[in-house]
C-alpha atoms as a PDB file:
ATOM      1  CA  MET A   1      -0.032   0.073  -0.026  1.00  0.00           C
ATOM      2  CA  ARG A   2       1.577   3.350  -0.982  1.00  0.00           C
ATOM      3  CA  LYS A   3       1.869   6.325   1.425  1.00  0.00           C
ATOM      4  CA  LYS A   4      -0.033   9.605   0.148  1.00  0.00           C
ATOM      5  CA  LEU A   5       2.066  12.619  -0.004  1.00  0.00           C
ATOM      6  CA  ASN A   6       0.951  16.336   0.235  1.00  0.00           C
ATOM      7  CA  PRO A   7       2.941  18.026  -2.300  1.00  0.00           C
ATOM      8  CA  SER A   8       3.334  21.844  -2.410  1.00  0.00           C
ATOM      9  CA  SER A   9       3.385  23.902  -5.583  1.00  0.00           C
ATOM     10  CA  ASP A  10       7.103  24.173  -5.003  1.00  0.00           C
ATOM     11  CA  THR A  11       8.035  20.697  -4.493  1.00  0.00           C
ATOM     12  CA  PRO A  12       8.053  18.336  -7.356  1.00  0.00           C
ATOM     13  CA  LEU A  13       6.327  14.822  -6.868  1.00  0.00           C
ATOM     14  CA  PRO A  14       8.561  11.927  -6.536  1.00  0.00           C
ATOM     15  CA  VAL A  15       9.025   9.992  -9.697  1.00  0.00           C
ATOM     16  CA  GLU A  16       8.903   6.207  -9.760  1.00  0.00           C
ATOM     17  CA  ASP A  17      11.860   4.286 -10.735  1.00  0.00           C
ATOM     18  CA  SER A  18       9.628   2.624 -13.565  1.00  0.00           C
ATOM     19  CA  ALA A  19       8.721   5.948 -14.991  1.00  0.00           C
ATOM     20  CA  VAL A  20      12.263   7.123 -15.255  1.00  0.00           C
ATOM     21  CA  THR A  21      13.051   3.977 -17.054  1.00  0.00           C
ATOM     22  CA  ASP A  22      10.050   3.818 -19.416  1.00  0.00           C
ATOM     23  CA  PRO A  23      10.243   6.581 -21.938  1.00  0.00           C
ATOM     24  CA  LYS A  24       6.358   5.750 -22.861  1.00  0.00           C
ATOM     25  CA  ILE A  25       5.171   6.979 -19.519  1.00  0.00           C
ATOM     26  CA  MET A  26       7.065  10.419 -19.245  1.00  0.00           C
ATOM     27  CA  PRO A  27       8.584  11.144 -22.504  1.00  0.00           C
ATOM     28  CA  ASP A  28       9.248  14.812 -22.072  1.00  0.00           C
ATOM     29  CA  VAL A  29      10.281  14.688 -18.171  1.00  0.00           C
ATOM     30  CA  VAL A  30      14.019  15.614 -17.549  1.00  0.00           C
ATOM     31  CA  GLN A  31      14.971  14.128 -14.320  1.00  0.00           C
ATOM     32  CA  PRO A  32      16.728  16.762 -12.258  1.00  0.00           C
ATOM     33  CA  SER A  33      20.219  16.245 -10.991  1.00  0.00           C
ATOM     34  CA  LEU A  34      20.735  15.282  -7.408  1.00  0.00           C
ATOM     35  CA  PHE A  35      23.735  17.666  -7.175  1.00  0.00           C
ATOM     36  CA  PRO A  36      22.732  20.842  -9.137  1.00  0.00           C
ATOM     37  CA  GLU A  37      25.608  23.289  -9.607  1.00  0.00           C
ATOM     38  CA  LEU A  38      25.040  26.354  -7.387  1.00  0.00           C
ATOM     39  CA  PRO A  39      25.799  29.925  -8.717  1.00  0.00           C
ATOM     40  CA  GLU A  40      28.929  31.481  -6.875  1.00  0.00           C
ATOM     41  CA  ASP A  41      27.273  34.693  -5.961  1.00  0.00           C
ATOM     42  CA  GLY A  42      23.527  34.166  -6.322  1.00  0.00           C
ATOM     43  CA  PRO A  43      20.769  33.156  -3.896  1.00  0.00           C
ATOM     44  CA  VAL A  44      19.179  29.863  -3.793  1.00  0.00           C
ATOM     45  CA  VAL A  45      15.605  28.987  -2.787  1.00  0.00           C
ATOM     46  CA  ALA A  46      14.956  26.059  -0.425  1.00  0.00           C
ATOM     47  CA  SER A  47      11.419  25.746   1.127  1.00  0.00           C
ATOM     48  CA  GLY A  48      10.510  29.509   0.380  1.00  0.00           C
ATOM     49  CA  ALA A  49      13.677  30.908   2.339  1.00  0.00           C
ATOM     50  CA  GLU A  50      16.406  32.775   0.790  1.00  0.00           C
ATOM     51  CA  VAL A  51      19.881  31.583   1.562  1.00  0.00           C
ATOM     52  CA  LYS A  52      22.871  33.456   0.683  1.00  0.00           C
ATOM     53  CA  ILE A  53      26.103  31.445  -0.318  1.00  0.00           C
ATOM     54  CA  PRO A  54      29.264  33.070   0.954  1.00  0.00           C
ATOM     55  CA  LYS A  55      31.701  34.151  -1.560  1.00  0.00           C
ATOM     56  CA  LYS A  56      34.763  31.901  -2.053  1.00  0.00           C
ATOM     57  CA  ALA A  57      37.862  33.239  -0.041  1.00  0.00           C
ATOM     58  CA  LYS A  58      40.337  34.598  -2.403  1.00  0.00           C
ATOM     59  CA  SER A  59      43.694  32.722  -1.945  1.00  0.00           C
ATOM     60  CA  LYS A  60      46.971  34.710  -1.535  1.00  0.00           C
ATOM     61  CA  PRO A  61      49.252  34.733  -4.473  1.00  0.00           C
ATOM     62  CA  VAL A  62      52.221  32.376  -4.146  1.00  0.00           C
ATOM     63  CA  VAL A  63      55.390  34.141  -4.499  1.00  0.00           C
ATOM     64  CA  THR A  64      58.194  32.305  -5.982  1.00  0.00           C
ATOM     65  CA  PRO A  65      61.583  33.518  -4.850  1.00  0.00           C
ATOM     66  CA  ALA A  66      64.111  34.548  -7.395  1.00  0.00           C
ATOM     67  CA  PRO A  67      66.844  32.083  -7.837  1.00  0.00           C
ATOM     68  CA  LEU A  68      70.069  32.627  -5.949  1.00  0.00           C
ATOM     69  CA  PRO A  69      73.285  33.341  -7.583  1.00  0.00           C
ATOM     70  CA  ALA A  70      75.598  30.157  -8.141  1.00  0.00           C
ATOM     71  CA  GLU A  71      78.094  31.108  -5.652  1.00  0.00           C
ATOM     72  CA  GLU A  72      75.372  31.466  -2.901  1.00  0.00           C
ATOM     73  CA  LEU A  73      74.071  28.033  -3.815  1.00  0.00           C
ATOM     74  CA  MET A  74      77.329  26.464  -3.124  1.00  0.00           C
ATOM     75  CA  GLU A  75      77.386  24.658   0.147  1.00  0.00           C
ATOM     76  CA  ALA A  76      80.046  25.341   2.959  1.00  0.00           C
ATOM     77  CA  ASP A  77      81.483  21.963   2.602  1.00  0.00           C
ATOM     78  CA  ASP A  78      82.148  22.515  -1.284  1.00  0.00           C
ATOM     79  CA  ASP A  79      83.896  25.841  -0.558  1.00  0.00           C
ATOM     80  CA  GLU A  80      87.542  25.295   0.179  1.00  0.00           C
ATOM     81  CA  PHE A  81      87.857  28.574   1.914  1.00  0.00           C
ATOM     82  CA  SER A  82      84.641  28.570   3.906  1.00  0.00           C
ATOM     83  CA  PRO A  83      85.345  29.266   7.665  1.00  0.00           C
ATOM     84  CA  GLU A  84      84.092  25.701   8.572  1.00  0.00           C
ATOM     85  CA  ASN A  85      86.592  24.026   6.179  1.00  0.00           C
ATOM     86  CA  LEU A  86      89.429  26.324   7.245  1.00  0.00           C
ATOM     87  CA  ARG A  87      88.712  25.488  10.936  1.00  0.00           C
ATOM     88  CA  LEU A  88      89.107  21.839  10.039  1.00  0.00           C
ATOM     89  CA  LEU A  89      92.486  22.286   8.311  1.00  0.00           C
ATOM     90  CA  ASN A  90      93.674  24.027  11.246  1.00  0.00           C
ATOM     91  CA  LYS A  91      92.946  20.932  13.367  1.00  0.00           C
ATOM     92  CA  ILE A  92      95.053  18.735  10.981  1.00  0.00           C
ATOM     93  CA  ASP A  93      98.587  18.189  11.836  1.00  0.00           C
ATOM     94  CA  LEU A  94     100.146  17.978   8.549  1.00  0.00           C
ATOM     95  CA  ARG A  95     103.224  16.473   9.815  1.00  0.00           C
ATOM     96  CA  ASP A  96     101.022  13.226  10.448  1.00  0.00           C
ATOM     97  CA  LEU A  97     100.205  13.096   6.783  1.00  0.00           C
ATOM     98  CA  VAL A  98     103.729  13.711   5.244  1.00  0.00           C
ATOM     99  CA  THR A  99     106.788  11.978   6.126  1.00  0.00           C
ATOM    100  CA  ALA A 100     109.761  14.187   5.578  1.00  0.00           C
ATOM    101  CA  GLU A 101     112.860  12.792   4.276  1.00  0.00           C
ATOM    102  CA  LEU A 102     116.006  14.173   5.851  1.00  0.00           C
ATOM    103  CA  VAL A 103     118.416  15.387   3.069  1.00  0.00           C
ATOM    104  CA  GLU A 104     120.373  17.905   4.912  1.00  0.00           C
ATOM    105  CA  LEU A 105     122.036  17.832   8.336  1.00  0.00           C
ATOM    106  CA  PRO A 106     124.317  20.664   9.313  1.00  0.00           C
ATOM    107  CA  ALA A 107     127.271  20.362  11.615  1.00  0.00           C
ATOM    108  CA  ARG A 108     127.309  23.453  13.802  1.00  0.00           C
ATOM    109  CA  LYS A 109     127.020  24.788  17.315  1.00  0.00           C
ATOM    110  CA  PRO A 110     123.743  25.941  18.819  1.00  0.00           C
ATOM    111  CA  LYS A 111     122.598  29.581  18.017  1.00  0.00           C
ATOM    112  CA  LYS A 112     122.185  32.059  20.728  1.00  0.00           C
ATOM    113  CA  ASP A 113     118.376  32.183  20.349  1.00  0.00           C
ATOM    114  CA  GLU A 114     117.870  28.511  20.153  1.00  0.00           C
ATOM    115  CA  TRP A 115     116.325  26.040  22.820  1.00  0.00           C
ATOM    116  CA  PHE A 116     117.743  22.598  22.140  1.00  0.00           C
ATOM    117  CA  ARG A 117     117.793  19.031  23.359  1.00  0.00           C
ATOM    118  CA  VAL A 118     120.743  16.410  23.082  1.00  0.00           C
ATOM    119  CA  HIS A 119     120.081  12.841  22.253  1.00  0.00           C
ATOM    120  CA  PRO A 120     120.958  10.791  25.254  1.00  0.00           C
ATOM    121  CA  ASP A 121     122.935   8.068  23.511  1.00  0.00           C
ATOM    122  CA  TYR A 122     124.152   9.452  20.001  1.00  0.00           C
ATOM    123  CA  GLN A 123     127.784  10.496  20.320  1.00  0.00           C
ATOM    124  CA  GLN A 124     130.896   9.866  18.613  1.00  0.00           C
ATOM    125  CA  GLN A 125     134.449  11.347  19.158  1.00  0.00           C
ATOM    126  CA  GLY A 126     136.107  12.379  15.819  1.00  0.00           C
ATOM    127  CA  GLY A 127     138.708  14.762  14.605  1.00  0.00           C
ATOM    128  CA  ILE A 128     137.431  17.890  13.351  1.00  0.00           C
ATOM    129  CA  LEU A 129     139.087  20.836  11.387  1.00  0.00           C
ATOM    130  CA  GLU A 130     137.318  23.903  11.763  1.00  0.00           C
ATOM    131  CA  ILE A 131     137.899  26.841   9.187  1.00  0.00           C
ATOM    132  CA  ASP A 132     136.645  30.077  10.874  1.00  0.00           C
ATOM    133  CA  SER A 133     137.220  32.172   7.811  1.00  0.00           C
ATOM    134  CA  GLU A 134     134.659  29.962   5.837  1.00  0.00           C
ATOM    135  CA  ASN A 135     132.473  29.016   8.901  1.00  0.00           C
ATOM    136  CA  LYS A 136     133.043  25.212   7.987  1.00  0.00           C
ATOM    137  CA  VAL A 137     133.883  22.109   9.852  1.00  0.00           C
ATOM    138  CA  PHE A 138     135.418  19.070   8.264  1.00  0.00           C
ATOM    139  CA  TRP A 139     135.748  15.488   9.344  1.00  0.00           C
ATOM    140  CA  VAL A 140     139.211  14.230   9.260  1.00  0.00           C
ATOM    141  CA  SER A 141     139.812  10.510   8.384  1.00  0.00           C
ATOM    142  CA  LYS A 142     142.116   8.657  10.787  1.00  0.00           C
ATOM    143  CA  LYS A 143     144.900   8.275   8.151  1.00  0.00           C
ATOM    144  CA  MET A 144     144.779  12.285   7.738  1.00  0.00           C
ATOM    145  CA  GLN A 145     144.817  13.178  11.366  1.00  0.00           C
ATOM    146  CA  SER A 146     148.459  12.951  11.612  1.00  0.00           C
ATOM    147  CA  GLN A 147     148.836  15.526   8.749  1.00  0.00           C
ATOM    148  CA  VAL A 148     146.931  18.189  10.853  1.00  0.00           C
ATOM    149  CA  ALA A 149     147.625  17.057  14.293  1.00  0.00           C
ATOM    150  CA  HIS A 150     149.640  20.155  15.315  1.00  0.00           C
ATOM    151  CA  ASP A 151     147.513  22.634  13.441  1.00  0.00           C
ATOM    152  CA  PRO A 152     145.473  24.936  15.738  1.00  0.00           C
ATOM    153  CA  CYS A 153     142.629  24.376  13.585  1.00  0.00           C
ATOM    154  CA  PHE A 154     142.301  20.558  14.338  1.00  0.00           C
ATOM    155  CA  THR A 155     140.871  19.185  17.590  1.00  0.00           C
ATOM    156  CA  PHE A 156     139.191  16.150  18.693  1.00  0.00           C
ATOM    157  CA  ARG A 157     135.538  16.782  19.533  1.00  0.00           C
ATOM    158  CA  LEU A 158     132.548  14.829  20.708  1.00  0.00           C
ATOM    159  CA  CYS A 159     129.932  14.866  17.895  1.00  0.00           C
ATOM    160  CA  VAL A 160     126.281  14.708  19.318  1.00  0.00           C
ATOM    161  CA  LEU A 161     122.801  14.841  17.864  1.00  0.00           C
ATOM    162  CA  VAL A 162     120.940  18.007  18.719  1.00  0.00           C
ATOM    163  CA  VAL A 163     117.319  19.156  17.794  1.00  0.00           C
ATOM    164  CA  THR A 164     115.746  22.406  18.448  1.00  0.00           C
ATOM    165  CA  ARG A 165     112.117  23.263  19.743  1.00  0.00           C
ATOM    166  CA  GLN A 166     111.076  23.786  15.955  1.00  0.00           C
ATOM    167  CA  GLY A 167     112.217  20.252  15.159  1.00  0.00           C
ATOM    168  CA  VAL A 168     115.437  21.191  13.398  1.00  0.00           C
ATOM    169  CA  PRO A 169     118.145  18.626  13.917  1.00  0.00           C
ATOM    170  CA  PHE A 170     121.940  19.106  13.566  1.00  0.00           C
ATOM    171  CA  ILE A 171     125.200  17.717  14.646  1.00  0.00           C
ATOM    172  CA  TRP A 172     127.198  19.543  17.302  1.00  0.00           C
ATOM    173  CA  PRO A 173     130.860  18.899  17.591  1.00  0.00           C
ATOM    174  CA  VAL A 174     131.513  19.886  21.287  1.00  0.00           C
ATOM    175  CA  LYS A 175     134.917  20.645  22.473  1.00  0.00           C
ATOM    176  CA  THR A 176     135.929  18.444  25.431  1.00  0.00           C
ATOM    177  CA  ASP A 177     137.892  19.271  28.663  1.00  0.00           C
ATOM    178  CA  VAL A 178     140.726  16.921  27.117  1.00  0.00           C
ATOM    179  CA  GLU A 179     141.229  19.482  24.484  1.00  0.00           C
ATOM    180  CA  ALA A 180     141.898  22.247  27.179  1.00  0.00           C
ATOM    181  CA  GLY A 181     144.542  20.209  28.711  1.00  0.00           C
ATOM    182  CA  GLY A 182     142.155  19.075  31.606  1.00  0.00           C
ATOM    183  CA  THR A 183     142.691  22.617  33.200  1.00  0.00           C
ATOM    184  CA  GLY A 184     138.927  23.385  33.305  1.00  0.00           C
ATOM    185  CA  ASP A 185     139.262  26.100  30.727  1.00  0.00           C
ATOM    186  CA  LYS A 186     135.645  28.004  31.002  1.00  0.00           C
ATOM    187  CA  TYR A 187     135.596  28.318  27.193  1.00  0.00           C
ATOM    188  CA  VAL A 188     135.339  24.569  26.800  1.00  0.00           C
ATOM    189  CA  ARG A 189     133.906  23.501  30.346  1.00  0.00           C
ATOM    190  CA  ILE A 190     130.553  25.731  30.042  1.00  0.00           C
ATOM    191  CA  PRO A 191     129.468  24.562  26.478  1.00  0.00           C
ATOM    192  CA  PHE A 192     130.354  21.070  27.526  1.00  0.00           C
ATOM    193  CA  ALA A 193     128.059  21.615  30.610  1.00  0.00           C
ATOM    194  CA  ALA A 194     125.360  22.900  28.334  1.00  0.00           C
ATOM    195  CA  MET A 195     125.533  19.848  26.377  1.00  0.00           C
ATOM    196  CA  THR A 196     125.183  17.503  29.302  1.00  0.00           C
ATOM    197  CA  GLU A 197     122.147  19.703  30.536  1.00  0.00           C
ATOM    198  CA  GLY A 198     120.792  19.368  27.158  1.00  0.00           C
ATOM    199  CA  ARG A 199     120.261  15.681  27.578  1.00  0.00           C
ATOM    200  CA  LYS A 200     117.743  16.161  30.549  1.00  0.00           C
ATOM    201  CA  LYS A 201     116.036  19.681  29.842  1.00  0.00           C
ATOM    202  CA  TRP A 202     115.581  22.229  27.058  1.00  0.00           C
ATOM    203  CA  THR A 203     118.734  24.339  27.242  1.00  0.00           C
ATOM    204  CA  ARG A 204     119.965  27.523  25.719  1.00  0.00           C
ATOM    205  CA  LEU A 205     123.582  28.645  25.392  1.00  0.00           C
ATOM    206  CA  TYR A 206     124.727  32.025  24.331  1.00  0.00           C
ATOM    207  CA  TRP A 207     127.705  34.307  24.875  1.00  0.00           C
ATOM    208  CA  SER A 208     127.646  37.191  27.293  1.00  0.00           C
ATOM    209  CA  GLN A 209     129.546  40.145  26.225  1.00  0.00           C
ATOM    210  CA  ASP A 210     129.575  41.710  29.609  1.00  0.00           C
ATOM    211  CA  ARG A 211     130.884  38.560  31.491  1.00  0.00           C
ATOM    212  CA  ARG A 212     133.039  37.618  28.643  1.00  0.00           C
ATOM    213  CA  GLU A 213     131.833  34.077  28.934  1.00  0.00           C
ATOM    214  CA  HIS A 214     129.071  31.590  27.914  1.00  0.00           C
ATOM    215  CA  GLN A 215     125.775  31.578  29.766  1.00  0.00           C
ATOM    216  CA  VAL A 216     123.664  28.526  30.013  1.00  0.00           C
ATOM    217  CA  GLU A 217     119.835  28.645  30.592  1.00  0.00           C
ATOM    218  CA  THR A 218     117.451  25.586  31.196  1.00  0.00           C
ATOM    219  CA  SER A 219     113.660  25.359  31.058  1.00  0.00           C
ATOM    220  CA  ASP A 220     111.170  23.000  32.414  1.00  0.00           C
ATOM    221  CA  LEU A 221     109.185  22.851  29.163  1.00  0.00           C
ATOM    222  CA  LEU A 222     107.351  19.437  28.723  1.00  0.00           C
ATOM    223  CA  ASP A 223     107.853  19.457  24.940  1.00  0.00           C
ATOM    224  CA  ALA A 224     109.097  15.842  24.025  1.00  0.00           C
ATOM    225  CA  PRO A 225     111.920  16.414  21.591  1.00  0.00           C
ATOM    226  CA  LYS A 226     111.643  14.811  18.120  1.00  0.00           C
ATOM    227  CA  PHE A 227     114.853  13.173  16.948  1.00  0.00           C
ATOM    228  CA  PRO A 228     115.523  11.757  13.478  1.00  0.00           C
ATOM    229  CA  ASP A 229     114.781   7.974  13.408  1.00  0.00           C
ATOM    230  CA  LYS A 230     118.023   6.999  11.906  1.00  0.00           C
ATOM    231  CA  PRO A 231     121.314   5.249  12.910  1.00  0.00           C
ATOM    232  CA  PHE A 232     123.717   7.812  14.218  1.00  0.00           C
ATOM    233  CA  SER A 233     126.369   6.586  11.565  1.00  0.00           C
ATOM    234  CA  GLU A 234     123.994   7.446   8.865  1.00  0.00           C
ATOM    235  CA  LEU A 235     123.388  10.970  10.380  1.00  0.00           C
ATOM    236  CA  LEU A 236     127.163  11.579  10.606  1.00  0.00           C
ATOM    237  CA  LYS A 237     127.687  10.751   7.049  1.00  0.00           C
ATOM    238  CA  LEU A 238     124.826  13.088   6.053  1.00  0.00           C
ATOM    239  CA  ALA A 239     126.373  15.759   8.127  1.00  0.00           C
ATOM    240  CA  PHE A 240     129.756  15.521   6.621  1.00  0.00           C
ATOM    241  CA  LYS A 241     128.760  14.215   3.149  1.00  0.00           C
ATOM    242  CA  ASP A 242     130.787  16.920   1.337  1.00  0.00           C
ATOM    243  CA  ALA A 243     133.230  17.763   4.271  1.00  0.00           C
ATOM    244  CA  VAL A 244     135.445  14.569   4.607  1.00  0.00           C
ATOM    245  CA  ILE A 245     139.204  15.055   4.387  1.00  0.00           C
ATOM    246  CA  SER A 246     140.603  11.660   3.254  1.00  0.00           C
ATOM    247  CA  THR A 247     143.427  12.746   0.916  1.00  0.00           C
ATOM    248  CA  PRO A 248     146.515  15.319   1.233  1.00  0.00           C
ATOM    249  CA  ASP A 249     145.251  17.193  -1.687  1.00  0.00           C
ATOM    250  CA  HIS A 250     141.935  18.314  -0.008  1.00  0.00           C
ATOM    251  CA  PRO A 251     141.483  22.047  -0.680  1.00  0.00           C
ATOM    252  CA  ALA A 252     141.233  22.657   3.009  1.00  0.00           C
ATOM    253  CA  ILE A 253     144.521  21.061   3.802  1.00  0.00           C
ATOM    254  CA  LEU A 254     146.433  22.834   0.772  1.00  0.00           C
ATOM    255  CA  ASN A 255     144.763  26.235   2.171  1.00  0.00           C
ATOM    256  CA  LEU A 256     146.297  25.563   5.618  1.00  0.00           C
ATOM    257  CA  LYS A 257     149.623  24.892   4.246  1.00  0.00           C
ATOM    258  CA  GLY A 258     149.473  27.859   1.915  1.00  0.00           C
ATOM    259  CA  LYS A 259     149.465  25.705  -1.308  1.00  0.00           C
ATOM    260  CA  ALA A 260     145.793  26.515  -2.381  1.00  0.00           C
ATOM    261  CA  LYS A 261     145.598  27.785  -6.012  1.00  0.00           C
END
């Protein structure tokens, strides 16, 4: 049994499903859409009341930033000179990355402004010929020592390995008290004492013009000295590689005898 409706003049009657599907019953009726499109700003009538549809909110325009220059797009890690990378370079000890090969080793005494340490074991006595006018020292072979034994430029010295605080090594031919005749000459005794102190502490040796003698200073610095990691015989050979007197016709010998050309 069907339920009766009281339709108003504004409300369309419901249509049976069969009427929609059978064109013979309602050939000219157009079925309204269940979701009619509403006008954006116009009113719509529903049950005799006017309802206003709010206007759509206007969206803000999207601003696309201008592209940055290429140098500003580079990340800090890709910039070799960025503060971050430069700070990292400062933390790297390049001495740990590169192994330096020792190719030269001078034979000399410590300079007056140098703090130095002396190797506790590396020492060798040898005949040394010192030419003050050329600021050179020569290693005299045993067979040639008799040729210069009485020359004042020749002495027997104790050669030791020394290194400065900056890591610069050199061979120091130190005069011994024997060369002073065992009399305790202060010009020999004080430098020899500085060499002995240098085996235990950082030491400085310099000449005092006022006192007319050498002065020795020591420091309690805890820096560990970095000596070359080579046998002492190789270091001596390197220090005197171009300064070995082994023949009578060596230029230094000829110069001492007044026979140099």
